């Protein structure tokens, strides 16, 4: 979409023909598709599909992340003009065909049906040959997404950026809980614990099931570059899924979340961490737990939008 299109009656979410390239629309107007990409269910020729999962019925504290996908999309309008900083000129908007697949449709009153509904939704995207980046929603959404990706790629390496490991025991298949998805993923064989890592942790769990923890203190003391290097060493060249709970950031940088914990990463540390993960074999990912009702000046949504952009960079970087 050319600069002159900004002067016309153009809304790229509906009218843009190319799946690639920057956008030059007013950031404060128009449909809030992610990064001003075109809304479509036809993924022919699409490299990466971004989908929203507006579900927050599995939280242990504050709700509101059902509104996260909309807020992240709106915040992403700030990132459509120029390549993201720190990627040596690599511009995923120009290099990748990206589409906004819209939000998952589900019956909010049938919570027990939700995991299978989301898994089928993800299957539908992956079966069309596109990669999937999801905008949450609470962290329970990651389990159905891991199930879909594991069917295609086999057991996955997992990078989980989070204040919590989410490995609290839960052997009830009917429970949907945002604090137990990693436990269930391990028990189901969806992830390879020897190739998985938790980053930014600052809560206690009795048994982390063999997953290495690179906690928030390590990030502060050794620096995000060193932590990223260790994470790359752990996952190696395995197909990797990266889930980023926005509460990995300190509440000073991400107040709009359901279970805030002090002592977390700064947004600057997170930016370095994500950039220095470049080269991992990312096959999918998500950003979760953005809760607009508790946000201040949309700073948490802005952080979520930047994380999603970094996921696009990571996916495309290894496939240049």
C-alpha atoms as a PDB file:
ATOM      1  CA  UNK A   1       0.000   0.000   0.000  1.00  0.00           C
ATOM      2  CA  UNK A   2       1.640   3.241  -1.140  1.00  0.00           C
ATOM      3  CA  UNK A   3       1.843   6.483   0.829  1.00  0.00           C
ATOM      4  CA  UNK A   4      -0.669   8.164  -1.466  1.00  0.00           C
ATOM      5  CA  UNK A   5      -3.234   5.550  -0.423  1.00  0.00           C
ATOM      6  CA  UNK A   6      -3.338   7.194   2.982  1.00  0.00           C
ATOM      7  CA  UNK A   7      -5.076  10.131   1.310  1.00  0.00           C
ATOM      8  CA  UNK A   8      -7.722   7.898  -0.245  1.00  0.00           C
ATOM      9  CA  UNK A   9     -10.710   6.070   1.167  1.00  0.00           C
ATOM     10  CA  UNK A  10      -8.676   2.941   1.788  1.00  0.00           C
ATOM     11  CA  UNK A  11      -8.838   0.466   4.662  1.00  0.00           C
ATOM     12  CA  UNK A  12      -6.208  -2.205   4.117  1.00  0.00           C
ATOM     13  CA  UNK A  13      -7.866  -4.672   6.460  1.00  0.00           C
ATOM     14  CA  UNK A  14     -10.435  -5.146   3.690  1.00  0.00           C
ATOM     15  CA  UNK A  15      -8.989  -3.705   0.484  1.00  0.00           C
ATOM     16  CA  UNK A  16      -5.256  -4.369   0.328  1.00  0.00           C
ATOM     17  CA  UNK A  17      -4.364  -6.804  -2.442  1.00  0.00           C
ATOM     18  CA  UNK A  18      -0.798  -7.687  -1.481  1.00  0.00           C
ATOM     19  CA  UNK A  19      -0.111  -9.753   1.624  1.00  0.00           C
ATOM     20  CA  UNK A  20       3.274  -8.071   1.916  1.00  0.00           C
ATOM     21  CA  UNK A  21       4.545  -4.564   2.480  1.00  0.00           C
ATOM     22  CA  UNK A  22       4.128  -1.745   5.000  1.00  0.00           C
ATOM     23  CA  UNK A  23       0.928   0.225   5.462  1.00  0.00           C
ATOM     24  CA  UNK A  24       0.444   3.974   5.435  1.00  0.00           C
ATOM     25  CA  UNK A  25      -2.889   4.528   7.101  1.00  0.00           C
ATOM     26  CA  UNK A  26      -3.718   6.722  10.054  1.00  0.00           C
ATOM     27  CA  UNK A  27      -2.864   4.797  13.200  1.00  0.00           C
ATOM     28  CA  UNK A  28      -5.945   6.192  14.945  1.00  0.00           C
ATOM     29  CA  UNK A  29      -8.525   5.135  12.355  1.00  0.00           C
ATOM     30  CA  UNK A  30      -9.661   2.150  10.343  1.00  0.00           C
ATOM     31  CA  UNK A  31     -10.291  -1.483  11.200  1.00  0.00           C
ATOM     32  CA  UNK A  32      -7.935  -2.878  13.801  1.00  0.00           C
ATOM     33  CA  UNK A  33      -6.495  -5.835  11.955  1.00  0.00           C
ATOM     34  CA  UNK A  34      -3.096  -6.953  13.213  1.00  0.00           C
ATOM     35  CA  UNK A  35      -0.385  -4.811  11.606  1.00  0.00           C
ATOM     36  CA  UNK A  36      -3.004  -3.591   9.091  1.00  0.00           C
ATOM     37  CA  UNK A  37      -2.911  -6.967   7.383  1.00  0.00           C
ATOM     38  CA  UNK A  38      -5.881  -8.183   5.377  1.00  0.00           C
ATOM     39  CA  UNK A  39      -8.620 -10.103   7.158  1.00  0.00           C
ATOM     40  CA  UNK A  40      -9.103 -13.418   5.380  1.00  0.00           C
ATOM     41  CA  UNK A  41      -9.896 -17.085   5.939  1.00  0.00           C
ATOM     42  CA  UNK A  42      -8.252 -18.015   2.632  1.00  0.00           C
ATOM     43  CA  UNK A  43      -4.630 -18.746   3.471  1.00  0.00           C
ATOM     44  CA  UNK A  44      -3.487 -19.504  -0.068  1.00  0.00           C
ATOM     45  CA  UNK A  45       0.038 -18.132  -0.336  1.00  0.00           C
ATOM     46  CA  UNK A  46       0.085 -17.014   3.305  1.00  0.00           C
ATOM     47  CA  UNK A  47       3.245 -17.603   5.316  1.00  0.00           C
ATOM     48  CA  UNK A  48       1.894 -16.678   8.744  1.00  0.00           C
ATOM     49  CA  UNK A  49      -1.673 -16.318   9.965  1.00  0.00           C
ATOM     50  CA  UNK A  50      -2.342 -14.285  13.104  1.00  0.00           C
ATOM     51  CA  UNK A  51      -5.454 -15.234  15.039  1.00  0.00           C
ATOM     52  CA  UNK A  52      -7.075 -13.931  18.195  1.00  0.00           C
ATOM     53  CA  UNK A  53      -8.260 -16.179  21.019  1.00  0.00           C
ATOM     54  CA  UNK A  54     -10.505 -14.028  23.251  1.00  0.00           C
ATOM     55  CA  UNK A  55     -10.834 -16.478  26.138  1.00  0.00           C
ATOM     56  CA  UNK A  56     -10.263 -15.732  29.830  1.00  0.00           C
ATOM     57  CA  UNK A  57     -12.438 -18.146  31.765  1.00  0.00           C
ATOM     58  CA  UNK A  58      -9.479 -20.111  33.172  1.00  0.00           C
ATOM     59  CA  UNK A  59      -7.859 -17.351  35.210  1.00  0.00           C
ATOM     60  CA  UNK A  60      -7.001 -17.614  38.913  1.00  0.00           C
ATOM     61  CA  UNK A  61      -7.151 -13.889  39.619  1.00  0.00           C
ATOM     62  CA  UNK A  62      -8.271 -10.973  37.441  1.00  0.00           C
ATOM     63  CA  UNK A  63     -10.206 -11.532  34.183  1.00  0.00           C
ATOM     64  CA  UNK A  64     -10.150  -9.298  31.129  1.00  0.00           C
ATOM     65  CA  UNK A  65      -7.789 -11.016  28.690  1.00  0.00           C
ATOM     66  CA  UNK A  66     -10.734 -11.816  26.425  1.00  0.00           C
ATOM     67  CA  UNK A  67     -10.242  -8.204  25.332  1.00  0.00           C
ATOM     68  CA  UNK A  68      -6.528  -8.735  24.711  1.00  0.00           C
ATOM     69  CA  UNK A  69      -6.598  -9.615  20.991  1.00  0.00           C
ATOM     70  CA  UNK A  70      -8.519  -6.455  20.127  1.00  0.00           C
ATOM     71  CA  UNK A  71      -6.177  -4.267  22.179  1.00  0.00           C
ATOM     72  CA  UNK A  72      -3.043  -5.867  20.725  1.00  0.00           C
ATOM     73  CA  UNK A  73      -4.352  -5.371  17.203  1.00  0.00           C
ATOM     74  CA  UNK A  74      -5.066  -1.718  17.895  1.00  0.00           C
ATOM     75  CA  UNK A  75      -1.615  -1.177  19.391  1.00  0.00           C
ATOM     76  CA  UNK A  76       0.035  -2.911  16.422  1.00  0.00           C
ATOM     77  CA  UNK A  77      -0.974  -0.042  14.138  1.00  0.00           C
ATOM     78  CA  UNK A  78       2.067   1.806  15.496  1.00  0.00           C
ATOM     79  CA  UNK A  79       4.432  -0.728  13.924  1.00  0.00           C
ATOM     80  CA  UNK A  80       3.404  -0.760  10.269  1.00  0.00           C
ATOM     81  CA  UNK A  81       5.600   1.955   8.788  1.00  0.00           C
ATOM     82  CA  UNK A  82       9.178   0.848   9.404  1.00  0.00           C
ATOM     83  CA  UNK A  83      11.119  -2.394   9.940  1.00  0.00           C
ATOM     84  CA  UNK A  84      11.387  -3.425  13.608  1.00  0.00           C
ATOM     85  CA  UNK A  85      14.481  -2.124  15.346  1.00  0.00           C
ATOM     86  CA  UNK A  86      17.429  -4.429  15.939  1.00  0.00           C
ATOM     87  CA  UNK A  87      16.866  -6.958  13.154  1.00  0.00           C
ATOM     88  CA  UNK A  88      19.630  -5.741  10.824  1.00  0.00           C
ATOM     89  CA  UNK A  89      17.117  -4.347   8.371  1.00  0.00           C
ATOM     90  CA  UNK A  90      14.991  -7.482   8.216  1.00  0.00           C
ATOM     91  CA  UNK A  91      11.377  -6.475   7.697  1.00  0.00           C
ATOM     92  CA  UNK A  92       8.809  -9.259   8.170  1.00  0.00           C
ATOM     93  CA  UNK A  93       6.080  -7.080   6.675  1.00  0.00           C
ATOM     94  CA  UNK A  94       7.953  -6.970   3.383  1.00  0.00           C
ATOM     95  CA  UNK A  95       9.449 -10.455   3.516  1.00  0.00           C
ATOM     96  CA  UNK A  96       6.447 -12.463   4.698  1.00  0.00           C
ATOM     97  CA  UNK A  97       2.901 -12.895   3.465  1.00  0.00           C
ATOM     98  CA  UNK A  98       0.934 -12.279   6.657  1.00  0.00           C
ATOM     99  CA  UNK A  99      -2.825 -12.432   7.124  1.00  0.00           C
ATOM    100  CA  UNK A 100      -5.155 -11.688   9.999  1.00  0.00           C
ATOM    101  CA  UNK A 101      -7.360 -14.760  10.374  1.00  0.00           C
ATOM    102  CA  UNK A 102      -9.714 -13.039  12.788  1.00  0.00           C
ATOM    103  CA  UNK A 103     -10.771 -14.399  16.158  1.00  0.00           C
ATOM    104  CA  UNK A 104     -11.716 -17.896  17.235  1.00  0.00           C
ATOM    105  CA  UNK A 105     -15.489 -18.291  17.448  1.00  0.00           C
ATOM    106  CA  UNK A 106     -16.695 -20.367  20.401  1.00  0.00           C
ATOM    107  CA  UNK A 107     -19.631 -20.755  22.751  1.00  0.00           C
ATOM    108  CA  UNK A 108     -18.540 -19.010  25.936  1.00  0.00           C
ATOM    109  CA  UNK A 109     -21.179 -20.946  27.911  1.00  0.00           C
ATOM    110  CA  UNK A 110     -19.688 -24.334  26.961  1.00  0.00           C
ATOM    111  CA  UNK A 111     -16.294 -24.018  28.583  1.00  0.00           C
ATOM    112  CA  UNK A 112     -15.613 -27.754  28.440  1.00  0.00           C
ATOM    113  CA  UNK A 113     -15.818 -27.605  24.636  1.00  0.00           C
ATOM    114  CA  UNK A 114     -13.319 -24.778  24.349  1.00  0.00           C
ATOM    115  CA  UNK A 115      -9.996 -26.690  24.176  1.00  0.00           C
ATOM    116  CA  UNK A 116     -11.163 -28.937  21.325  1.00  0.00           C
ATOM    117  CA  UNK A 117     -12.682 -25.946  19.516  1.00  0.00           C
ATOM    118  CA  UNK A 118      -9.390 -24.059  19.645  1.00  0.00           C
ATOM    119  CA  UNK A 119      -7.376 -27.114  18.641  1.00  0.00           C
ATOM    120  CA  UNK A 120      -9.584 -27.597  15.571  1.00  0.00           C
ATOM    121  CA  UNK A 121      -9.219 -23.891  14.754  1.00  0.00           C
ATOM    122  CA  UNK A 122      -5.434 -24.207  14.883  1.00  0.00           C
ATOM    123  CA  UNK A 123      -5.562 -27.406  12.825  1.00  0.00           C
ATOM    124  CA  UNK A 124      -7.473 -25.515  10.153  1.00  0.00           C
ATOM    125  CA  UNK A 125      -4.731 -22.903   9.905  1.00  0.00           C
ATOM    126  CA  UNK A 126      -1.816 -25.335   9.954  1.00  0.00           C
ATOM    127  CA  UNK A 127      -3.518 -27.631   7.435  1.00  0.00           C
ATOM    128  CA  UNK A 128      -3.595 -24.729   4.965  1.00  0.00           C
ATOM    129  CA  UNK A 129       0.184 -24.540   5.156  1.00  0.00           C
ATOM    130  CA  UNK A 130       0.486 -21.338   7.154  1.00  0.00           C
ATOM    131  CA  UNK A 131       2.286 -20.866  10.438  1.00  0.00           C
ATOM    132  CA  UNK A 132       0.233 -19.611  13.366  1.00  0.00           C
ATOM    133  CA  UNK A 133       0.799 -16.772  15.816  1.00  0.00           C
ATOM    134  CA  UNK A 134      -1.962 -16.436  18.413  1.00  0.00           C
ATOM    135  CA  UNK A 135      -3.026 -13.398  20.421  1.00  0.00           C
ATOM    136  CA  UNK A 136      -4.586 -14.335  23.771  1.00  0.00           C
ATOM    137  CA  UNK A 137      -6.508 -14.694  25.910  1.00  0.00           C
ATOM    138  CA  UNK A 138      -5.342 -16.338  29.090  1.00  0.00           C
ATOM    139  CA  UNK A 139      -2.515 -18.852  29.178  1.00  0.00           C
ATOM    140  CA  UNK A 140      -4.757 -21.901  29.047  1.00  0.00           C
ATOM    141  CA  UNK A 141      -5.022 -21.334  25.275  1.00  0.00           C
ATOM    142  CA  UNK A 142      -1.457 -22.550  24.789  1.00  0.00           C
ATOM    143  CA  UNK A 143      -2.280 -26.194  25.543  1.00  0.00           C
ATOM    144  CA  UNK A 144      -4.674 -26.704  22.588  1.00  0.00           C
ATOM    145  CA  UNK A 145      -2.234 -24.799  20.392  1.00  0.00           C
ATOM    146  CA  UNK A 146       0.594 -27.102  21.447  1.00  0.00           C
ATOM    147  CA  UNK A 147      -1.586 -30.115  20.684  1.00  0.00           C
ATOM    148  CA  UNK A 148      -2.191 -28.858  17.155  1.00  0.00           C
ATOM    149  CA  UNK A 149       1.482 -28.082  16.546  1.00  0.00           C
ATOM    150  CA  UNK A 150       2.681 -31.389  18.006  1.00  0.00           C
ATOM    151  CA  UNK A 151       0.434 -33.266  15.592  1.00  0.00           C
ATOM    152  CA  UNK A 152       2.282 -31.591  12.738  1.00  0.00           C
ATOM    153  CA  UNK A 153       5.837 -31.328  14.059  1.00  0.00           C
ATOM    154  CA  UNK A 154       6.107 -33.995  16.767  1.00  0.00           C
ATOM    155  CA  UNK A 155       7.236 -33.225  20.326  1.00  0.00           C
ATOM    156  CA  UNK A 156       8.228 -29.582  20.537  1.00  0.00           C
ATOM    157  CA  UNK A 157      10.901 -27.572  22.255  1.00  0.00           C
ATOM    158  CA  UNK A 158       9.156 -24.979  24.391  1.00  0.00           C
ATOM    159  CA  UNK A 159      10.395 -21.515  25.307  1.00  0.00           C
ATOM    160  CA  UNK A 160       8.067 -20.082  27.936  1.00  0.00           C
ATOM    161  CA  UNK A 161       8.604 -16.479  29.009  1.00  0.00           C
ATOM    162  CA  UNK A 162       6.549 -16.060  32.162  1.00  0.00           C
ATOM    163  CA  UNK A 163       6.444 -15.150  35.843  1.00  0.00           C
ATOM    164  CA  UNK A 164       5.047 -18.638  36.531  1.00  0.00           C
ATOM    165  CA  UNK A 165       6.108 -22.047  35.252  1.00  0.00           C
ATOM    166  CA  UNK A 166       2.488 -23.248  34.966  1.00  0.00           C
ATOM    167  CA  UNK A 167       3.601 -26.710  36.031  1.00  0.00           C
ATOM    168  CA  UNK A 168       1.271 -27.046  39.009  1.00  0.00           C
ATOM    169  CA  UNK A 169      -0.126 -30.583  39.098  1.00  0.00           C
ATOM    170  CA  UNK A 170      -3.438 -31.165  37.342  1.00  0.00           C
ATOM    171  CA  UNK A 171      -4.435 -34.670  36.288  1.00  0.00           C
ATOM    172  CA  UNK A 172      -8.094 -33.883  35.658  1.00  0.00           C
ATOM    173  CA  UNK A 173      -8.622 -33.900  31.870  1.00  0.00           C
ATOM    174  CA  UNK A 174     -11.794 -31.863  32.245  1.00  0.00           C
ATOM    175  CA  UNK A 175     -10.155 -28.889  33.991  1.00  0.00           C
ATOM    176  CA  UNK A 176      -9.152 -25.805  32.031  1.00  0.00           C
ATOM    177  CA  UNK A 177      -6.634 -23.773  34.034  1.00  0.00           C
ATOM    178  CA  UNK A 178      -4.103 -21.194  32.914  1.00  0.00           C
ATOM    179  CA  UNK A 179      -1.664 -22.322  35.622  1.00  0.00           C
ATOM    180  CA  UNK A 180      -1.387 -25.975  34.607  1.00  0.00           C
ATOM    181  CA  UNK A 181      -1.039 -26.021  30.847  1.00  0.00           C
ATOM    182  CA  UNK A 182       2.691 -26.819  30.905  1.00  0.00           C
ATOM    183  CA  UNK A 183       2.139 -29.690  33.352  1.00  0.00           C
ATOM    184  CA  UNK A 184      -0.427 -31.196  31.003  1.00  0.00           C
ATOM    185  CA  UNK A 185       1.745 -30.582  27.939  1.00  0.00           C
ATOM    186  CA  UNK A 186       4.560 -32.558  29.581  1.00  0.00           C
ATOM    187  CA  UNK A 187       2.231 -35.362  30.667  1.00  0.00           C
ATOM    188  CA  UNK A 188       0.785 -35.604  27.146  1.00  0.00           C
ATOM    189  CA  UNK A 189       4.238 -35.742  25.538  1.00  0.00           C
ATOM    190  CA  UNK A 190       3.653 -32.546  23.553  1.00  0.00           C
ATOM    191  CA  UNK A 191       6.978 -31.036  24.577  1.00  0.00           C
ATOM    192  CA  UNK A 192      10.475 -32.398  25.052  1.00  0.00           C
ATOM    193  CA  UNK A 193      11.499 -31.292  28.550  1.00  0.00           C
ATOM    194  CA  UNK A 194      15.186 -31.701  27.723  1.00  0.00           C
ATOM    195  CA  UNK A 195      14.806 -29.095  24.955  1.00  0.00           C
ATOM    196  CA  UNK A 196      12.519 -26.717  26.859  1.00  0.00           C
ATOM    197  CA  UNK A 197      13.157 -23.692  29.050  1.00  0.00           C
ATOM    198  CA  UNK A 198      11.345 -21.259  31.327  1.00  0.00           C
ATOM    199  CA  UNK A 199      12.523 -17.630  31.276  1.00  0.00           C
ATOM    200  CA  UNK A 200      11.676 -14.849  33.732  1.00  0.00           C
ATOM    201  CA  UNK A 201      10.255 -17.066  36.477  1.00  0.00           C
ATOM    202  CA  UNK A 202       9.784 -15.586  39.966  1.00  0.00           C
ATOM    203  CA  UNK A 203       7.316 -17.906  41.668  1.00  0.00           C
ATOM    204  CA  UNK A 204       7.817 -21.240  43.417  1.00  0.00           C
ATOM    205  CA  UNK A 205       6.648 -24.665  42.245  1.00  0.00           C
ATOM    206  CA  UNK A 206       7.607 -27.934  43.921  1.00  0.00           C
ATOM    207  CA  UNK A 207       8.451 -29.862  40.741  1.00  0.00           C
ATOM    208  CA  UNK A 208       9.252 -28.248  37.418  1.00  0.00           C
ATOM    209  CA  UNK A 209       9.234 -31.599  35.644  1.00  0.00           C
ATOM    210  CA  UNK A 210      12.797 -31.325  34.388  1.00  0.00           C
ATOM    211  CA  UNK A 211      12.398 -28.052  32.476  1.00  0.00           C
ATOM    212  CA  UNK A 212      15.349 -25.724  33.040  1.00  0.00           C
ATOM    213  CA  UNK A 213      14.524 -22.389  34.672  1.00  0.00           C
ATOM    214  CA  UNK A 214      16.342 -19.190  33.725  1.00  0.00           C
ATOM    215  CA  UNK A 215      14.679 -16.972  36.275  1.00  0.00           C
ATOM    216  CA  UNK A 216      14.183 -13.228  36.366  1.00  0.00           C
ATOM    217  CA  UNK A 217      17.143 -12.747  38.696  1.00  0.00           C
ATOM    218  CA  UNK A 218      19.385 -14.440  36.151  1.00  0.00           C
ATOM    219  CA  UNK A 219      18.174 -12.029  33.487  1.00  0.00           C
ATOM    220  CA  UNK A 220      18.898  -9.070  35.779  1.00  0.00           C
ATOM    221  CA  UNK A 221      22.310 -10.307  36.895  1.00  0.00           C
ATOM    222  CA  UNK A 222      23.682 -11.983  33.756  1.00  0.00           C
ATOM    223  CA  UNK A 223      21.761  -9.981  31.175  1.00  0.00           C
ATOM    224  CA  UNK A 224      19.190 -10.950  28.540  1.00  0.00           C
ATOM    225  CA  UNK A 225      21.836 -11.725  25.910  1.00  0.00           C
ATOM    226  CA  UNK A 226      23.401 -14.433  28.086  1.00  0.00           C
ATOM    227  CA  UNK A 227      19.993 -15.880  28.918  1.00  0.00           C
ATOM    228  CA  UNK A 228      19.022 -15.924  25.236  1.00  0.00           C
ATOM    229  CA  UNK A 229      22.278 -17.720  24.413  1.00  0.00           C
ATOM    230  CA  UNK A 230      21.521 -20.398  27.009  1.00  0.00           C
ATOM    231  CA  UNK A 231      17.961 -20.772  25.722  1.00  0.00           C
ATOM    232  CA  UNK A 232      19.228 -21.228  22.157  1.00  0.00           C
ATOM    233  CA  UNK A 233      21.645 -23.875  23.412  1.00  0.00           C
ATOM    234  CA  UNK A 234      18.818 -25.737  25.166  1.00  0.00           C
ATOM    235  CA  UNK A 235      16.367 -25.824  22.255  1.00  0.00           C
ATOM    236  CA  UNK A 236      19.016 -26.374  19.590  1.00  0.00           C
ATOM    237  CA  UNK A 237      17.524 -26.936  16.141  1.00  0.00           C
ATOM    238  CA  UNK A 238      14.348 -28.624  17.408  1.00  0.00           C
ATOM    239  CA  UNK A 239      10.976 -27.342  16.198  1.00  0.00           C
ATOM    240  CA  UNK A 240      10.225 -24.717  18.807  1.00  0.00           C
ATOM    241  CA  UNK A 241       7.062 -23.125  20.136  1.00  0.00           C
ATOM    242  CA  UNK A 242       7.465 -19.837  22.017  1.00  0.00           C
ATOM    243  CA  UNK A 243       4.774 -18.661  24.407  1.00  0.00           C
ATOM    244  CA  UNK A 244       5.135 -15.228  25.978  1.00  0.00           C
ATOM    245  CA  UNK A 245       2.994 -14.468  28.999  1.00  0.00           C
ATOM    246  CA  UNK A 246       3.031 -10.692  29.303  1.00  0.00           C
ATOM    247  CA  UNK A 247       3.480 -11.044  33.071  1.00  0.00           C
ATOM    248  CA  UNK A 248       7.045 -12.057  32.267  1.00  0.00           C
ATOM    249  CA  UNK A 249       7.442  -8.284  32.305  1.00  0.00           C
ATOM    250  CA  UNK A 250       7.459  -6.453  35.606  1.00  0.00           C
ATOM    251  CA  UNK A 251       4.113  -4.800  36.452  1.00  0.00           C
ATOM    252  CA  UNK A 252       5.823  -1.438  35.948  1.00  0.00           C
ATOM    253  CA  UNK A 253       6.061  -2.307  32.248  1.00  0.00           C
ATOM    254  CA  UNK A 254       2.912  -4.431  31.939  1.00  0.00           C
ATOM    255  CA  UNK A 255       0.297  -3.524  34.551  1.00  0.00           C
ATOM    256  CA  UNK A 256      -2.548  -4.827  32.406  1.00  0.00           C
ATOM    257  CA  UNK A 257      -2.391  -8.484  33.292  1.00  0.00           C
ATOM    258  CA  UNK A 258      -4.266 -10.880  35.518  1.00  0.00           C
ATOM    259  CA  UNK A 259      -1.553 -12.196  37.843  1.00  0.00           C
ATOM    260  CA  UNK A 260       1.176  -9.548  38.185  1.00  0.00           C
ATOM    261  CA  UNK A 261       4.391 -10.416  40.061  1.00  0.00           C
ATOM    262  CA  UNK A 262       7.095  -7.919  40.965  1.00  0.00           C
ATOM    263  CA  UNK A 263      10.725  -8.311  39.955  1.00  0.00           C
ATOM    264  CA  UNK A 264      10.118  -9.100  36.303  1.00  0.00           C
ATOM    265  CA  UNK A 265      11.851  -8.156  33.081  1.00  0.00           C
ATOM    266  CA  UNK A 266      11.819  -4.656  31.686  1.00  0.00           C
ATOM    267  CA  UNK A 267      10.525  -4.139  28.183  1.00  0.00           C
ATOM    268  CA  UNK A 268      14.093  -3.313  27.148  1.00  0.00           C
ATOM    269  CA  UNK A 269      15.369  -6.629  28.493  1.00  0.00           C
ATOM    270  CA  UNK A 270      12.568  -8.470  26.706  1.00  0.00           C
ATOM    271  CA  UNK A 271      13.443  -6.753  23.425  1.00  0.00           C
ATOM    272  CA  UNK A 272      17.076  -7.882  23.675  1.00  0.00           C
ATOM    273  CA  UNK A 273      16.031 -11.382  24.726  1.00  0.00           C
ATOM    274  CA  UNK A 274      13.691 -11.829  21.768  1.00  0.00           C
ATOM    275  CA  UNK A 275      16.172 -10.396  19.262  1.00  0.00           C
ATOM    276  CA  UNK A 276      18.961 -12.636  20.529  1.00  0.00           C
ATOM    277  CA  UNK A 277      16.832 -15.761  20.125  1.00  0.00           C
ATOM    278  CA  UNK A 278      17.233 -15.278  16.374  1.00  0.00           C
ATOM    279  CA  UNK A 279      18.104 -18.567  14.680  1.00  0.00           C
ATOM    280  CA  UNK A 280      15.831 -20.868  16.666  1.00  0.00           C
ATOM    281  CA  UNK A 281      13.582 -23.080  14.565  1.00  0.00           C
ATOM    282  CA  UNK A 282      10.357 -21.349  15.558  1.00  0.00           C
ATOM    283  CA  UNK A 283       7.260 -23.117  14.226  1.00  0.00           C
ATOM    284  CA  UNK A 284       4.595 -21.201  16.161  1.00  0.00           C
ATOM    285  CA  UNK A 285       3.936 -19.001  19.117  1.00  0.00           C
ATOM    286  CA  UNK A 286       1.619 -16.826  21.118  1.00  0.00           C
ATOM    287  CA  UNK A 287       1.448 -13.780  23.371  1.00  0.00           C
ATOM    288  CA  UNK A 288      -1.060 -14.081  26.193  1.00  0.00           C
ATOM    289  CA  UNK A 289      -2.474 -12.510  29.367  1.00  0.00           C
ATOM    290  CA  UNK A 290      -2.838  -8.919  28.095  1.00  0.00           C
ATOM    291  CA  UNK A 291      -5.784  -7.594  30.121  1.00  0.00           C
ATOM    292  CA  UNK A 292      -6.913  -4.146  28.899  1.00  0.00           C
ATOM    293  CA  UNK A 293      -9.237  -3.393  31.864  1.00  0.00           C
ATOM    294  CA  UNK A 294      -6.150  -3.202  34.094  1.00  0.00           C
ATOM    295  CA  UNK A 295      -3.883  -1.498  31.567  1.00  0.00           C
ATOM    296  CA  UNK A 296      -2.516   2.042  31.786  1.00  0.00           C
ATOM    297  CA  UNK A 297      -2.239   4.121  28.611  1.00  0.00           C
ATOM    298  CA  UNK A 298      -2.277   0.833  26.631  1.00  0.00           C
ATOM    299  CA  UNK A 299       1.352   0.151  27.572  1.00  0.00           C
ATOM    300  CA  UNK A 300       0.693  -3.552  28.119  1.00  0.00           C
ATOM    301  CA  UNK A 301      -1.068  -3.851  24.769  1.00  0.00           C
ATOM    302  CA  UNK A 302       1.849  -2.062  23.103  1.00  0.00           C
ATOM    303  CA  UNK A 303       4.240  -4.537  24.715  1.00  0.00           C
ATOM    304  CA  UNK A 304       2.069  -7.430  23.506  1.00  0.00           C
ATOM    305  CA  UNK A 305       2.043  -6.075  19.968  1.00  0.00           C
ATOM    306  CA  UNK A 306       5.831  -5.782  19.995  1.00  0.00           C
ATOM    307  CA  UNK A 307       6.192  -9.357  21.254  1.00  0.00           C
ATOM    308  CA  UNK A 308       3.961 -10.571  18.427  1.00  0.00           C
ATOM    309  CA  UNK A 309       6.102  -8.663  15.915  1.00  0.00           C
ATOM    310  CA  UNK A 310       9.214 -10.305  17.380  1.00  0.00           C
ATOM    311  CA  UNK A 311       7.592 -13.711  16.934  1.00  0.00           C
ATOM    312  CA  UNK A 312       7.094 -12.895  13.249  1.00  0.00           C
ATOM    313  CA  UNK A 313      10.741 -11.884  13.029  1.00  0.00           C
ATOM    314  CA  UNK A 314      11.901 -15.087  14.703  1.00  0.00           C
ATOM    315  CA  UNK A 315       9.764 -17.220  12.394  1.00  0.00           C
ATOM    316  CA  UNK A 316      10.980 -15.446   9.273  1.00  0.00           C
ATOM    317  CA  UNK A 317      14.639 -14.966  10.250  1.00  0.00           C
ATOM    318  CA  UNK A 318      15.516 -18.655  10.056  1.00  0.00           C
ATOM    319  CA  UNK A 319      13.694 -18.950   6.720  1.00  0.00           C
ATOM    320  CA  UNK A 320      15.292 -16.005   4.920  1.00  0.00           C
END
